[in-house]
PDB file of N, CA and C in Angstrom:
ATOM      1  N   MET A   1      -5.334  -1.419  -8.585  1.00  0.00           N
ATOM      2  CA  MET A   1      -6.155  -0.279  -8.242  1.00  0.00           C
ATOM      3  C   MET A   1      -7.542  -0.791  -7.902  1.00  0.00           C
ATOM      4  N   TYR A   2      -8.091  -0.262  -6.825  1.00  0.00           N
ATOM      5  CA  TYR A   2      -9.473  -0.531  -6.448  1.00  0.00           C
ATOM      6  C   TYR A   2     -10.288   0.728  -6.722  1.00  0.00           C
ATOM      7  N   ILE A   3     -11.453   0.550  -7.324  1.00  0.00           N
ATOM      8  CA  ILE A   3     -12.354   1.663  -7.587  1.00  0.00           C
ATOM      9  C   ILE A   3     -13.650   1.407  -6.841  1.00  0.00           C
ATOM     10  N   LEU A   4     -14.040   2.354  -6.006  1.00  0.00           N
ATOM     11  CA  LEU A   4     -15.278   2.271  -5.247  1.00  0.00           C
ATOM     12  C   LEU A   4     -16.414   2.848  -6.084  1.00  0.00           C
ATOM     13  N   GLU A   5     -17.471   2.098  -6.248  1.00  0.00           N
ATOM     14  CA  GLU A   5     -18.655   2.598  -6.943  1.00  0.00           C
ATOM     15  C   GLU A   5     -19.777   2.784  -5.936  1.00  0.00           C
ATOM     16  N   ASN A   6     -20.504   3.862  -6.088  1.00  0.00           N
ATOM     17  CA  ASN A   6     -21.673   4.154  -5.271  1.00  0.00           C
ATOM     18  C   ASN A   6     -22.865   4.235  -6.215  1.00  0.00           C
ATOM     19  N   TYR A   7     -23.718   3.216  -6.170  1.00  0.00           N
ATOM     20  CA  TYR A   7     -24.855   3.129  -7.092  1.00  0.00           C
ATOM     21  C   TYR A   7     -24.397   3.207  -8.550  1.00  0.00           C
ATOM     22  N   GLY A   8     -23.307   2.494  -8.848  1.00  0.00           N
ATOM     23  CA  GLY A   8     -22.805   2.423 -10.209  1.00  0.00           C
ATOM     24  C   GLY A   8     -21.943   3.588 -10.655  1.00  0.00           C
ATOM     25  N   VAL A   9     -21.722   4.556  -9.785  1.00  0.00           N
ATOM     26  CA  VAL A   9     -20.935   5.745 -10.121  1.00  0.00           C
ATOM     27  C   VAL A   9     -19.577   5.662  -9.426  1.00  0.00           C
ATOM     28  N   PRO A  10     -18.459   5.739 -10.168  1.00  0.00           N
ATOM     29  CA  PRO A  10     -17.149   5.747  -9.513  1.00  0.00           C
ATOM     30  C   PRO A  10     -17.074   6.899  -8.505  1.00  0.00           C
ATOM     31  N   SER A  11     -16.767   6.552  -7.246  1.00  0.00           N
ATOM     32  CA  SER A  11     -16.817   7.549  -6.176  1.00  0.00           C
ATOM     33  C   SER A  11     -15.592   7.544  -5.281  1.00  0.00           C
ATOM     34  N   GLY A  12     -14.637   6.707  -5.594  1.00  0.00           N
ATOM     35  CA  GLY A  12     -13.403   6.660  -4.815  1.00  0.00           C
ATOM     36  C   GLY A  12     -12.452   5.668  -5.434  1.00  0.00           C
ATOM     37  N   CYS A  13     -11.179   5.772  -5.043  1.00  0.00           N
ATOM     38  CA  CYS A  13     -10.187   4.825  -5.553  1.00  0.00           C
ATOM     39  C   CYS A  13      -8.980   4.807  -4.641  1.00  0.00           C
ATOM     40  N   ILE A  14      -8.200   3.756  -4.801  1.00  0.00           N
ATOM     41  CA  ILE A  14      -6.920   3.630  -4.116  1.00  0.00           C
ATOM     42  C   ILE A  14      -6.081   2.661  -4.941  1.00  0.00           C
ATOM     43  N   ALA A  15      -4.785   2.887  -4.980  1.00  0.00           N
ATOM     44  CA  ALA A  15      -3.919   2.034  -5.793  1.00  0.00           C
ATOM     45  C   ALA A  15      -2.626   1.743  -5.060  1.00  0.00           C
ATOM     46  N   ILE A  16      -1.978   0.666  -5.469  1.00  0.00           N
ATOM     47  CA  ILE A  16      -0.664   0.303  -4.962  1.00  0.00           C
ATOM     48  C   ILE A  16       0.289   0.220  -6.149  1.00  0.00           C
ATOM     49  N   LYS A  17       1.426   0.865  -6.009  1.00  0.00           N
ATOM     50  CA  LYS A  17       2.486   0.830  -7.028  1.00  0.00           C
ATOM     51  C   LYS A  17       3.640  -0.007  -6.486  1.00  0.00           C
ATOM     52  N   HIS A  18       4.108  -0.939  -7.284  1.00  0.00           N
ATOM     53  CA  HIS A  18       5.282  -1.735  -6.934  1.00  0.00           C
ATOM     54  C   HIS A  18       6.519  -0.844  -7.023  1.00  0.00           C
ATOM     55  N   VAL A  19       7.247  -0.705  -5.924  1.00  0.00           N
ATOM     56  CA  VAL A  19       8.486   0.076  -5.926  1.00  0.00           C
ATOM     57  C   VAL A  19       9.678  -0.854  -6.118  1.00  0.00           C
ATOM     58  N   ASP A  20       9.747  -1.882  -5.296  1.00  0.00           N
ATOM     59  CA  ASP A  20      10.761  -2.924  -5.442  1.00  0.00           C
ATOM     60  C   ASP A  20      10.226  -4.179  -4.750  1.00  0.00           C
ATOM     61  N   GLY A  21      11.012  -5.226  -4.671  1.00  0.00           N
ATOM     62  CA  GLY A  21      10.544  -6.490  -4.122  1.00  0.00           C
ATOM     63  C   GLY A  21      10.046  -6.416  -2.693  1.00  0.00           C
ATOM     64  N   ALA A  22      10.495  -5.408  -1.951  1.00  0.00           N
ATOM     65  CA  ALA A  22      10.106  -5.282  -0.549  1.00  0.00           C
ATOM     66  C   ALA A  22       9.155  -4.130  -0.277  1.00  0.00           C
ATOM     67  N   THR A  23       8.995  -3.214  -1.242  1.00  0.00           N
ATOM     68  CA  THR A  23       8.286  -1.961  -0.983  1.00  0.00           C
ATOM     69  C   THR A  23       7.187  -1.683  -1.995  1.00  0.00           C
ATOM     70  N   ALA A  24       6.048  -1.259  -1.472  1.00  0.00           N
ATOM     71  CA  ALA A  24       4.924  -0.798  -2.291  1.00  0.00           C
ATOM     72  C   ALA A  24       4.621   0.650  -1.900  1.00  0.00           C
ATOM     73  N   GLN A  25       4.066   1.394  -2.841  1.00  0.00           N
ATOM     74  CA  GLN A  25       3.687   2.778  -2.566  1.00  0.00           C
ATOM     75  C   GLN A  25       2.187   2.941  -2.747  1.00  0.00           C
ATOM     76  N   LEU A  26       1.527   3.456  -1.730  1.00  0.00           N
ATOM     77  CA  LEU A  26       0.101   3.754  -1.811  1.00  0.00           C
ATOM     78  C   LEU A  26      -0.067   5.014  -2.650  1.00  0.00           C
ATOM     79  N   ARG A  27      -0.981   4.980  -3.623  1.00  0.00           N
ATOM     80  CA  ARG A  27      -1.173   6.102  -4.541  1.00  0.00           C
ATOM     81  C   ARG A  27      -2.657   6.322  -4.804  1.00  0.00           C
ATOM     82  N   PHE A  28      -2.974   7.454  -5.338  1.00  0.00           N
ATOM     83  CA  PHE A  28      -4.302   7.769  -5.900  1.00  0.00           C
ATOM     84  C   PHE A  28      -5.456   7.420  -4.953  1.00  0.00           C
ATOM     85  N   TYR A  29      -5.344   7.871  -3.726  1.00  0.00           N
ATOM     86  CA  TYR A  29      -6.371   7.603  -2.724  1.00  0.00           C
ATOM     87  C   TYR A  29      -7.328   8.794  -2.694  1.00  0.00           C
ATOM     88  N   PHE A  30      -8.507   8.586  -3.262  1.00  0.00           N
ATOM     89  CA  PHE A  30      -9.515   9.645  -3.349  1.00  0.00           C
ATOM     90  C   PHE A  30     -10.863   9.088  -2.928  1.00  0.00           C
ATOM     91  N   LEU A  31     -11.680   9.947  -2.350  1.00  0.00           N
ATOM     92  CA  LEU A  31     -13.023   9.563  -1.941  1.00  0.00           C
ATOM     93  C   LEU A  31     -13.923  10.785  -2.054  1.00  0.00           C
ATOM     94  N   GLU A  32     -15.056  10.614  -2.720  1.00  0.00           N
ATOM     95  CA  GLU A  32     -15.998  11.728  -2.853  1.00  0.00           C
ATOM     96  C   GLU A  32     -16.463  12.184  -1.467  1.00  0.00           C
ATOM     97  N   PRO A  33     -16.617  13.492  -1.275  1.00  0.00           N
ATOM     98  CA  PRO A  33     -16.973  14.032   0.045  1.00  0.00           C
ATOM     99  C   PRO A  33     -18.224  13.411   0.670  1.00  0.00           C
ATOM    100  N   GLU A  34     -19.217  13.094  -0.142  1.00  0.00           N
ATOM    101  CA  GLU A  34     -20.463  12.561   0.423  1.00  0.00           C
ATOM    102  C   GLU A  34     -20.306  11.156   1.018  1.00  0.00           C
ATOM    103  N   LEU A  35     -19.195  10.486   0.725  1.00  0.00           N
ATOM    104  CA  LEU A  35     -18.956   9.146   1.270  1.00  0.00           C
ATOM    105  C   LEU A  35     -18.002   9.154   2.464  1.00  0.00           C
ATOM    106  N   ARG A  36     -17.481  10.306   2.802  1.00  0.00           N
ATOM    107  CA  ARG A  36     -16.538  10.388   3.921  1.00  0.00           C
ATOM    108  C   ARG A  36     -17.290  10.220   5.241  1.00  0.00           C
ATOM    109  N   GLU A  37     -16.556   9.697   6.225  1.00  0.00           N
ATOM    110  CA  GLU A  37     -17.082   9.439   7.573  1.00  0.00           C
ATOM    111  C   GLU A  37     -18.166   8.375   7.585  1.00  0.00           C
ATOM    112  N   GLN A  38     -18.154   7.490   6.594  1.00  0.00           N
ATOM    113  CA  GLN A  38     -19.108   6.378   6.539  1.00  0.00           C
ATOM    114  C   GLN A  38     -18.399   5.027   6.505  1.00  0.00           C
ATOM    115  N   GLY A  39     -17.078   5.039   6.613  1.00  0.00           N
ATOM    116  CA  GLY A  39     -16.323   3.800   6.614  1.00  0.00           C
ATOM    117  C   GLY A  39     -15.775   3.375   5.264  1.00  0.00           C
ATOM    118  N   ALA A  40     -16.150   4.071   4.197  1.00  0.00           N
ATOM    119  CA  ALA A  40     -15.693   3.685   2.861  1.00  0.00           C
ATOM    120  C   ALA A  40     -14.183   3.859   2.721  1.00  0.00           C
ATOM    121  N   GLY A  41     -13.641   4.932   3.234  1.00  0.00           N
ATOM    122  CA  GLY A  41     -12.202   5.173   3.166  1.00  0.00           C
ATOM    123  C   GLY A  41     -11.418   4.124   3.935  1.00  0.00           C
ATOM    124  N   ARG A  42     -11.916   3.753   5.100  1.00  0.00           N
ATOM    125  CA  ARG A  42     -11.255   2.710   5.889  1.00  0.00           C
ATOM    126  C   ARG A  42     -11.266   1.378   5.145  1.00  0.00           C
ATOM    127  N   LYS A  43     -12.384   1.072   4.481  1.00  0.00           N
ATOM    128  CA  LYS A  43     -12.467  -0.189   3.731  1.00  0.00           C
ATOM    129  C   LYS A  43     -11.485  -0.216   2.572  1.00  0.00           C
ATOM    130  N   LEU A  44     -11.371   0.905   1.853  1.00  0.00           N
ATOM    131  CA  LEU A  44     -10.398   0.972   0.762  1.00  0.00           C
ATOM    132  C   LEU A  44      -8.977   0.779   1.294  1.00  0.00           C
ATOM    133  N   MET A  45      -8.670   1.447   2.389  1.00  0.00           N
ATOM    134  CA  MET A  45      -7.337   1.328   2.990  1.00  0.00           C
ATOM    135  C   MET A  45      -7.065  -0.117   3.412  1.00  0.00           C
ATOM    136  N   ASP A  46      -8.034  -0.740   4.039  1.00  0.00           N
ATOM    137  CA  ASP A  46      -7.857  -2.126   4.480  1.00  0.00           C
ATOM    138  C   ASP A  46      -7.666  -3.074   3.287  1.00  0.00           C
ATOM    139  N   LEU A  47      -8.356  -2.817   2.178  1.00  0.00           N
ATOM    140  CA  LEU A  47      -8.175  -3.641   0.979  1.00  0.00           C
ATOM    141  C   LEU A  47      -6.736  -3.616   0.483  1.00  0.00           C
ATOM    142  N   VAL A  48      -6.143  -2.422   0.403  1.00  0.00           N
ATOM    143  CA  VAL A  48      -4.776  -2.364  -0.114  1.00  0.00           C
ATOM    144  C   VAL A  48      -3.762  -2.885   0.894  1.00  0.00           C
ATOM    145  N   ILE A  49      -4.013  -2.688   2.176  1.00  0.00           N
ATOM    146  CA  ILE A  49      -3.101  -3.251   3.179  1.00  0.00           C
ATOM    147  C   ILE A  49      -3.148  -4.774   3.115  1.00  0.00           C
ATOM    148  N   ASP A  50      -4.343  -5.347   2.991  1.00  0.00           N
ATOM    149  CA  ASP A  50      -4.467  -6.800   2.841  1.00  0.00           C
ATOM    150  C   ASP A  50      -3.761  -7.275   1.572  1.00  0.00           C
ATOM    151  N   PHE A  51      -3.908  -6.532   0.478  1.00  0.00           N
ATOM    152  CA  PHE A  51      -3.232  -6.869  -0.775  1.00  0.00           C
ATOM    153  C   PHE A  51      -1.711  -6.894  -0.568  1.00  0.00           C
ATOM    154  N   CYS A  52      -1.189  -5.874   0.111  1.00  0.00           N
ATOM    155  CA  CYS A  52       0.255  -5.789   0.338  1.00  0.00           C
ATOM    156  C   CYS A  52       0.743  -6.939   1.213  1.00  0.00           C
ATOM    157  N   ARG A  53      -0.037  -7.312   2.196  1.00  0.00           N
ATOM    158  CA  ARG A  53       0.334  -8.470   3.030  1.00  0.00           C
ATOM    159  C   ARG A  53       0.333  -9.746   2.203  1.00  0.00           C
ATOM    160  N   GLU A  54      -0.687  -9.905   1.374  1.00  0.00           N
ATOM    161  CA  GLU A  54      -0.788 -11.086   0.514  1.00  0.00           C
ATOM    162  C   GLU A  54       0.415 -11.194  -0.424  1.00  0.00           C
ATOM    163  N   LYS A  55       0.860 -10.048  -0.934  1.00  0.00           N
ATOM    164  CA  LYS A  55       1.999 -10.020  -1.856  1.00  0.00           C
ATOM    165  C   LYS A  55       3.334  -9.987  -1.121  1.00  0.00           C
ATOM    166  N   LYS A  56       3.282  -9.986   0.212  1.00  0.00           N
ATOM    167  CA  LYS A  56       4.464 -10.066   1.074  1.00  0.00           C
ATOM    168  C   LYS A  56       5.394  -8.850   0.981  1.00  0.00           C
ATOM    169  N   TYR A  57       4.812  -7.673   0.737  1.00  0.00           N
ATOM    170  CA  TYR A  57       5.607  -6.448   0.820  1.00  0.00           C
ATOM    171  C   TYR A  57       5.997  -6.228   2.275  1.00  0.00           C
ATOM    172  N   GLN A  58       7.233  -5.832   2.501  1.00  0.00           N
ATOM    173  CA  GLN A  58       7.705  -5.557   3.851  1.00  0.00           C
ATOM    174  C   GLN A  58       7.438  -4.117   4.269  1.00  0.00           C
ATOM    175  N   HIS A  59       7.313  -3.221   3.285  1.00  0.00           N
ATOM    176  CA  HIS A  59       7.098  -1.800   3.562  1.00  0.00           C
ATOM    177  C   HIS A  59       6.037  -1.255   2.610  1.00  0.00           C
ATOM    178  N   VAL A  60       5.199  -0.384   3.130  1.00  0.00           N
ATOM    179  CA  VAL A  60       4.255   0.365   2.304  1.00  0.00           C
ATOM    180  C   VAL A  60       4.481   1.835   2.644  1.00  0.00           C
ATOM    181  N   VAL A  61       4.761   2.631   1.626  1.00  0.00           N
ATOM    182  CA  VAL A  61       5.033   4.053   1.827  1.00  0.00           C
ATOM    183  C   VAL A  61       3.982   4.881   1.098  1.00  0.00           C
ATOM    184  N   LEU A  62       3.870   6.134   1.476  1.00  0.00           N
ATOM    185  CA  LEU A  62       2.988   7.071   0.785  1.00  0.00           C
ATOM    186  C   LEU A  62       3.452   8.477   1.050  1.00  0.00           C
ATOM    187  N   TRP A  63       2.985   9.396   0.229  1.00  0.00           N
ATOM    188  CA  TRP A  63       3.218  10.816   0.420  1.00  0.00           C
ATOM    189  C   TRP A  63       1.877  11.451   0.704  1.00  0.00           C
ATOM    190  N   THR A  64       1.840  12.381   1.627  1.00  0.00           N
ATOM    191  CA  THR A  64       0.616  13.116   1.903  1.00  0.00           C
ATOM    192  C   THR A  64       0.986  14.538   2.290  1.00  0.00           C
ATOM    193  N   PHE A  65       0.010  15.334   2.607  1.00  0.00           N
ATOM    194  CA  PHE A  65       0.227  16.741   2.928  1.00  0.00           C
ATOM    195  C   PHE A  65      -0.327  17.058   4.306  1.00  0.00           C
ATOM    196  N   SER A  66       0.324  17.982   5.000  1.00  0.00           N
ATOM    197  CA  SER A  66      -0.068  18.336   6.364  1.00  0.00           C
ATOM    198  C   SER A  66      -1.502  18.850   6.437  1.00  0.00           C
ATOM    199  N   THR A  67      -2.024  19.381   5.352  1.00  0.00           N
ATOM    200  CA  THR A  67      -3.376  19.932   5.349  1.00  0.00           C
ATOM    201  C   THR A  67      -4.466  18.854   5.283  1.00  0.00           C
ATOM    202  N   LEU A  68      -4.089  17.612   5.027  1.00  0.00           N
ATOM    203  CA  LEU A  68      -5.069  16.522   4.912  1.00  0.00           C
ATOM    204  C   LEU A  68      -5.189  15.782   6.244  1.00  0.00           C
ATOM    205  N   ALA A  69      -5.740  16.466   7.230  1.00  0.00           N
ATOM    206  CA  ALA A  69      -5.780  15.940   8.599  1.00  0.00           C
ATOM    207  C   ALA A  69      -6.542  14.621   8.708  1.00  0.00           C
ATOM    208  N   ALA A  70      -7.687  14.510   8.072  1.00  0.00           N
ATOM    209  CA  ALA A  70      -8.474  13.272   8.175  1.00  0.00           C
ATOM    210  C   ALA A  70      -7.727  12.091   7.567  1.00  0.00           C
ATOM    211  N   ALA A  71      -7.098  12.314   6.420  1.00  0.00           N
ATOM    212  CA  ALA A  71      -6.338  11.242   5.783  1.00  0.00           C
ATOM    213  C   ALA A  71      -5.145  10.852   6.653  1.00  0.00           C
ATOM    214  N   ARG A  72      -4.464  11.836   7.204  1.00  0.00           N
ATOM    215  CA  ARG A  72      -3.312  11.546   8.052  1.00  0.00           C
ATOM    216  C   ARG A  72      -3.735  10.756   9.280  1.00  0.00           C
ATOM    217  N   HIS A  73      -4.889  11.065   9.822  1.00  0.00           N
ATOM    218  CA  HIS A  73      -5.423  10.313  10.975  1.00  0.00           C
ATOM    219  C   HIS A  73      -5.678   8.859  10.578  1.00  0.00           C
ATOM    220  N   LEU A  74      -6.272   8.654   9.412  1.00  0.00           N
ATOM    221  CA  LEU A  74      -6.534   7.299   8.933  1.00  0.00           C
ATOM    222  C   LEU A  74      -5.227   6.536   8.734  1.00  0.00           C
ATOM    223  N   TYR A  75      -4.219   7.169   8.131  1.00  0.00           N
ATOM    224  CA  TYR A  75      -2.937   6.501   7.936  1.00  0.00           C
ATOM    225  C   TYR A  75      -2.332   6.094   9.276  1.00  0.00           C
ATOM    226  N   ALA A  76      -2.345   7.008  10.235  1.00  0.00           N
ATOM    227  CA  ALA A  76      -1.782   6.708  11.556  1.00  0.00           C
ATOM    228  C   ALA A  76      -2.535   5.560  12.224  1.00  0.00           C
ATOM    229  N   SER A  77      -3.847   5.499  12.031  1.00  0.00           N
ATOM    230  CA  SER A  77      -4.635   4.425  12.645  1.00  0.00           C
ATOM    231  C   SER A  77      -4.306   3.063  12.050  1.00  0.00           C
ATOM    232  N   ARG A  78      -3.676   3.052  10.880  1.00  0.00           N
ATOM    233  CA  ARG A  78      -3.271   1.805  10.234  1.00  0.00           C
ATOM    234  C   ARG A  78      -1.784   1.534  10.406  1.00  0.00           C
ATOM    235  N   GLY A  79      -1.138   2.295  11.280  1.00  0.00           N
ATOM    236  CA  GLY A  79       0.259   2.031  11.623  1.00  0.00           C
ATOM    237  C   GLY A  79       1.294   2.808  10.846  1.00  0.00           C
ATOM    238  N   PHE A  80       0.886   3.678   9.932  1.00  0.00           N
ATOM    239  CA  PHE A  80       1.841   4.481   9.186  1.00  0.00           C
ATOM    240  C   PHE A  80       2.428   5.550  10.094  1.00  0.00           C
ATOM    241  N   GLN A  81       3.711   5.856   9.890  1.00  0.00           N
ATOM    242  CA  GLN A  81       4.409   6.870  10.670  1.00  0.00           C
ATOM    243  C   GLN A  81       5.143   7.808   9.727  1.00  0.00           C
ATOM    244  N   ILE A  82       5.225   9.084  10.113  1.00  0.00           N
ATOM    245  CA  ILE A  82       5.977  10.058   9.308  1.00  0.00           C
ATOM    246  C   ILE A  82       7.458   9.764   9.474  1.00  0.00           C
ATOM    247  N   ILE A  83       8.166   9.640   8.338  1.00  0.00           N
ATOM    248  CA  ILE A  83       9.616   9.435   8.406  1.00  0.00           C
ATOM    249  C   ILE A  83      10.390  10.575   7.767  1.00  0.00           C
ATOM    250  N   ASP A  84       9.693  11.487   7.080  1.00  0.00           N
ATOM    251  CA  ASP A  84      10.357  12.631   6.474  1.00  0.00           C
ATOM    252  C   ASP A  84       9.317  13.707   6.196  1.00  0.00           C
ATOM    253  N   THR A  85       9.698  14.955   6.358  1.00  0.00           N
ATOM    254  CA  THR A  85       8.802  16.084   6.101  1.00  0.00           C
ATOM    255  C   THR A  85       9.595  17.202   5.439  1.00  0.00           C
ATOM    256  N   HIS A  86       8.999  17.839   4.443  1.00  0.00           N
ATOM    257  CA  HIS A  86       9.628  19.013   3.853  1.00  0.00           C
ATOM    258  C   HIS A  86       8.561  19.968   3.330  1.00  0.00           C
ATOM    259  N   VAL A  87       8.937  21.242   3.174  1.00  0.00           N
ATOM    260  CA  VAL A  87       8.024  22.263   2.685  1.00  0.00           C
ATOM    261  C   VAL A  87       7.704  21.970   1.230  1.00  0.00           C
ATOM    262  N   ASN A  88       6.448  22.173   0.882  1.00  0.00           N
ATOM    263  CA  ASN A  88       5.963  21.853  -0.446  1.00  0.00           C
ATOM    264  C   ASN A  88       5.134  23.012  -0.982  1.00  0.00           C
ATOM    265  N   ASN A  89       5.313  23.349  -2.243  1.00  0.00           N
ATOM    266  CA  ASN A  89       4.540  24.421  -2.863  1.00  0.00           C
ATOM    267  C   ASN A  89       3.702  23.925  -4.038  1.00  0.00           C
ATOM    268  N   GLU A  90       3.491  22.597  -4.136  1.00  0.00           N
ATOM    269  CA  GLU A  90       2.682  22.064  -5.220  1.00  0.00           C
ATOM    270  C   GLU A  90       1.239  22.524  -5.075  1.00  0.00           C
ATOM    271  N   TRP A  91       0.550  22.634  -6.158  1.00  0.00           N
ATOM    272  CA  TRP A  91      -0.868  22.971  -6.205  1.00  0.00           C
ATOM    273  C   TRP A  91      -1.182  24.330  -5.599  1.00  0.00           C
ATOM    274  N   GLY A  92      -0.187  25.212  -5.544  1.00  0.00           N
ATOM    275  CA  GLY A  92      -0.439  26.580  -5.143  1.00  0.00           C
ATOM    276  C   GLY A  92      -0.589  26.820  -3.658  1.00  0.00           C
ATOM    277  N   ASN A  93      -0.483  25.822  -2.830  1.00  0.00           N
ATOM    278  CA  ASN A  93      -0.601  26.002  -1.388  1.00  0.00           C
ATOM    279  C   ASN A  93       0.694  25.587  -0.718  1.00  0.00           C
ATOM    280  N   ARG A  94       1.177  26.433   0.171  1.00  0.00           N
ATOM    281  CA  ARG A  94       2.383  26.072   0.911  1.00  0.00           C
ATOM    282  C   ARG A  94       1.969  25.175   2.070  1.00  0.00           C
ATOM    283  N   SER A  95       2.509  23.978   2.114  1.00  0.00           N
ATOM    284  CA  SER A  95       2.210  23.041   3.182  1.00  0.00           C
ATOM    285  C   SER A  95       3.416  22.141   3.402  1.00  0.00           C
ATOM    286  N   LEU A  96       3.319  21.285   4.389  1.00  0.00           N
ATOM    287  CA  LEU A  96       4.372  20.317   4.619  1.00  0.00           C
ATOM    288  C   LEU A  96       4.018  19.043   3.882  1.00  0.00           C
ATOM    289  N   LYS A  97       4.953  18.517   3.155  1.00  0.00           N
ATOM    290  CA  LYS A  97       4.763  17.249   2.463  1.00  0.00           C
ATOM    291  C   LYS A  97       5.380  16.165   3.327  1.00  0.00           C
ATOM    292  N   ASN A  98       4.554  15.251   3.801  1.00  0.00           N
ATOM    293  CA  ASN A  98       5.019  14.161   4.640  1.00  0.00           C
ATOM    294  C   ASN A  98       5.291  12.972   3.755  1.00  0.00           C
ATOM    295  N   THR A  99       6.502  12.479   3.767  1.00  0.00           N
ATOM    296  CA  THR A  99       6.855  11.361   2.902  1.00  0.00           C
ATOM    297  C   THR A  99       7.203  10.145   3.731  1.00  0.00           C
ATOM    298  N   GLY A 100       7.007   8.996   3.117  1.00  0.00           N
ATOM    299  CA  GLY A 100       7.375   7.750   3.750  1.00  0.00           C
ATOM    300  C   GLY A 100       6.416   7.298   4.814  1.00  0.00           C
ATOM    301  N   TYR A 101       5.256   7.853   4.838  1.00  0.00           N
ATOM    302  CA  TYR A 101       4.255   7.443   5.815  1.00  0.00           C
ATOM    303  C   TYR A 101       4.119   5.969   5.794  1.00  0.00           C
TER     304      TYR A 101
END
């Protein structure tokens, strides 16, 4: 897990979970609103992608939601593709849950 600090205050994070010898899952990707659109999210994403390459994972997967347009754009810019979608009612909002990005 990487934790981003802004002036000593935890302000973002991203983690990788080992799924199996070939697959890692991106998890817990959060960034405080005041740091968005400044490159911090891209740097966190690049850190975990570099980590996965170093550890020789062949696949990196994640789950996201259709309502998270900025995050989905960032994932696509790093080569992630939607491989499955289904309706989701978690957290009280009906949205599409994109899996296997």
